């Protein structure tokens, strides 16, 4: 009986540890996606889509979308990037 309790307890601890590690990894991916999106949006204002994409790649992210709105007094860039399962959107302007 004691062996069963020890084995069951060890199994439960392993499952909880794996779940916690996965959750922490998701949090890290979300933070990295936010940082990569901010950097890509800022780079995209002056360097366009190719520069935004290269900055996203340098930050281990993939550029999912790139949009520019041009107005008389400047441009606003909106990007969406993906890191793992996390996505983040950021906007930057040269106004």
C-alpha atoms as a PDB file:
ATOM      1  CA  UNK A   1       0.000   0.000   0.000  1.00  0.00           C
ATOM      2  CA  UNK A   2       2.779   2.429   0.876  1.00  0.00           C
ATOM      3  CA  UNK A   3       4.480   1.783  -2.450  1.00  0.00           C
ATOM      4  CA  UNK A   4       1.268   2.658  -4.286  1.00  0.00           C
ATOM      5  CA  UNK A   5       0.957   5.970  -2.411  1.00  0.00           C
ATOM      6  CA  UNK A   6       4.589   6.853  -3.159  1.00  0.00           C
ATOM      7  CA  UNK A   7       4.233   5.973  -6.854  1.00  0.00           C
ATOM      8  CA  UNK A   8       0.924   7.843  -7.162  1.00  0.00           C
ATOM      9  CA  UNK A   9       2.363  10.856  -5.344  1.00  0.00           C
ATOM     10  CA  UNK A  10       5.425  10.853  -7.595  1.00  0.00           C
ATOM     11  CA  UNK A  11       3.227  10.653 -10.680  1.00  0.00           C
ATOM     12  CA  UNK A  12       1.084  13.533  -9.482  1.00  0.00           C
ATOM     13  CA  UNK A  13       4.170  15.616  -8.752  1.00  0.00           C
ATOM     14  CA  UNK A  14       5.519  14.892 -12.257  1.00  0.00           C
ATOM     15  CA  UNK A  15       2.247  15.913 -13.919  1.00  0.00           C
ATOM     16  CA  UNK A  16       2.026  19.125 -11.887  1.00  0.00           C
ATOM     17  CA  UNK A  17       5.668  19.967 -12.606  1.00  0.00           C
ATOM     18  CA  UNK A  18       5.187  19.451 -16.345  1.00  0.00           C
ATOM     19  CA  UNK A  19       2.029  21.605 -16.341  1.00  0.00           C
ATOM     20  CA  UNK A  20       3.764  24.365 -14.418  1.00  0.00           C
ATOM     21  CA  UNK A  21       6.761  24.282 -16.763  1.00  0.00           C
ATOM     22  CA  UNK A  22       4.471  24.502 -19.794  1.00  0.00           C
ATOM     23  CA  UNK A  23       2.613  27.458 -18.272  1.00  0.00           C
ATOM     24  CA  UNK A  24       5.893  29.252 -17.523  1.00  0.00           C
ATOM     25  CA  UNK A  25       7.059  28.641 -21.090  1.00  0.00           C
ATOM     26  CA  UNK A  26       3.856  30.186 -22.409  1.00  0.00           C
ATOM     27  CA  UNK A  27       4.416  33.257 -20.232  1.00  0.00           C
ATOM     28  CA  UNK A  28       7.960  33.623 -21.559  1.00  0.00           C
ATOM     29  CA  UNK A  29       6.745  33.309 -25.162  1.00  0.00           C
ATOM     30  CA  UNK A  30       4.104  35.991 -24.555  1.00  0.00           C
ATOM     31  CA  UNK A  31       6.683  38.392 -23.115  1.00  0.00           C
ATOM     32  CA  UNK A  32       9.082  37.713 -25.997  1.00  0.00           C
ATOM     33  CA  UNK A  33       6.264  38.270 -28.502  1.00  0.00           C
ATOM     34  CA  UNK A  34       5.433  41.662 -26.943  1.00  0.00           C
ATOM     35  CA  UNK A  35       9.066  42.772 -27.069  1.00  0.00           C
ATOM     36  CA  UNK A  36       9.512  41.548 -30.644  1.00  0.00           C
ATOM     37  CA  UNK A  37       6.300  43.279 -31.761  1.00  0.00           C
ATOM     38  CA  UNK A  38       7.374  46.583 -30.204  1.00  0.00           C
ATOM     39  CA  UNK A  39      10.793  46.417 -31.862  1.00  0.00           C
ATOM     40  CA  UNK A  40       9.359  45.367 -35.240  1.00  0.00           C
ATOM     41  CA  UNK A  41       6.784  48.177 -35.221  1.00  0.00           C
ATOM     42  CA  UNK A  42       9.433  50.778 -34.439  1.00  0.00           C
ATOM     43  CA  UNK A  43      11.726  49.413 -37.149  1.00  0.00           C
ATOM     44  CA  UNK A  44       8.852  49.285 -39.630  1.00  0.00           C
ATOM     45  CA  UNK A  45       8.159  53.011 -39.316  1.00  0.00           C
ATOM     46  CA  UNK A  46      11.488  53.914 -40.889  1.00  0.00           C
ATOM     47  CA  UNK A  47      12.539  50.709 -42.660  1.00  0.00           C
ATOM     48  CA  UNK A  48       9.298  49.272 -43.975  1.00  0.00           C
ATOM     49  CA  UNK A  49       8.105  45.688 -43.921  1.00  0.00           C
ATOM     50  CA  UNK A  50      11.472  44.128 -44.745  1.00  0.00           C
ATOM     51  CA  UNK A  51      13.134  45.835 -41.785  1.00  0.00           C
ATOM     52  CA  UNK A  52      10.252  44.914 -39.456  1.00  0.00           C
ATOM     53  CA  UNK A  53      10.522  41.296 -40.584  1.00  0.00           C
ATOM     54  CA  UNK A  54      14.283  41.163 -40.027  1.00  0.00           C
ATOM     55  CA  UNK A  55      13.927  42.668 -36.528  1.00  0.00           C
ATOM     56  CA  UNK A  56      11.190  40.154 -35.693  1.00  0.00           C
ATOM     57  CA  UNK A  57      13.415  37.314 -36.921  1.00  0.00           C
ATOM     58  CA  UNK A  58      16.350  38.646 -34.887  1.00  0.00           C
ATOM     59  CA  UNK A  59      14.075  38.402 -31.839  1.00  0.00           C
ATOM     60  CA  UNK A  60      13.102  34.766 -32.617  1.00  0.00           C
ATOM     61  CA  UNK A  61       9.667  35.830 -33.860  1.00  0.00           C
ATOM     62  CA  UNK A  62       7.764  35.563 -37.115  1.00  0.00           C
ATOM     63  CA  UNK A  63       6.112  38.616 -38.647  1.00  0.00           C
ATOM     64  CA  UNK A  64       2.462  37.622 -39.158  1.00  0.00           C
ATOM     65  CA  UNK A  65       1.114  40.925 -40.497  1.00  0.00           C
ATOM     66  CA  UNK A  66       2.330  44.399 -41.393  1.00  0.00           C
ATOM     67  CA  UNK A  67       0.034  47.356 -42.091  1.00  0.00           C
ATOM     68  CA  UNK A  68       0.880  50.992 -42.826  1.00  0.00           C
ATOM     69  CA  UNK A  69      -1.482  53.935 -42.655  1.00  0.00           C
ATOM     70  CA  UNK A  70      -0.018  56.984 -44.317  1.00  0.00           C
ATOM     71  CA  UNK A  71      -1.367  60.421 -43.482  1.00  0.00           C
ATOM     72  CA  UNK A  72      -0.200  63.853 -44.464  1.00  0.00           C
ATOM     73  CA  UNK A  73       1.885  64.285 -41.343  1.00  0.00           C
ATOM     74  CA  UNK A  74       3.390  60.779 -41.046  1.00  0.00           C
ATOM     75  CA  UNK A  75       2.837  57.053 -40.996  1.00  0.00           C
ATOM     76  CA  UNK A  76       1.513  54.579 -38.468  1.00  0.00           C
ATOM     77  CA  UNK A  77       2.696  50.973 -38.619  1.00  0.00           C
ATOM     78  CA  UNK A  78       0.851  48.064 -37.014  1.00  0.00           C
ATOM     79  CA  UNK A  79       2.522  44.656 -36.802  1.00  0.00           C
ATOM     80  CA  UNK A  80       1.574  41.268 -35.419  1.00  0.00           C
ATOM     81  CA  UNK A  81       4.284  38.768 -34.530  1.00  0.00           C
ATOM     82  CA  UNK A  82       4.290  35.166 -33.312  1.00  0.00           C
ATOM     83  CA  UNK A  83       6.647  33.477 -30.865  1.00  0.00           C
ATOM     84  CA  UNK A  84       5.702  29.859 -30.264  1.00  0.00           C
ATOM     85  CA  UNK A  85       1.950  29.852 -29.631  1.00  0.00           C
ATOM     86  CA  UNK A  86       1.903  33.492 -28.486  1.00  0.00           C
ATOM     87  CA  UNK A  87       1.035  36.426 -30.724  1.00  0.00           C
ATOM     88  CA  UNK A  88       1.317  40.120 -30.020  1.00  0.00           C
ATOM     89  CA  UNK A  89       0.360  43.274 -31.899  1.00  0.00           C
ATOM     90  CA  UNK A  90       2.124  46.625 -31.626  1.00  0.00           C
ATOM     91  CA  UNK A  91       1.739  50.015 -33.244  1.00  0.00           C
ATOM     92  CA  UNK A  92       4.319  52.763 -33.843  1.00  0.00           C
ATOM     93  CA  UNK A  93       4.131  56.142 -35.519  1.00  0.00           C
ATOM     94  CA  UNK A  94       6.574  58.763 -36.759  1.00  0.00           C
ATOM     95  CA  UNK A  95       4.234  61.626 -35.864  1.00  0.00           C
END
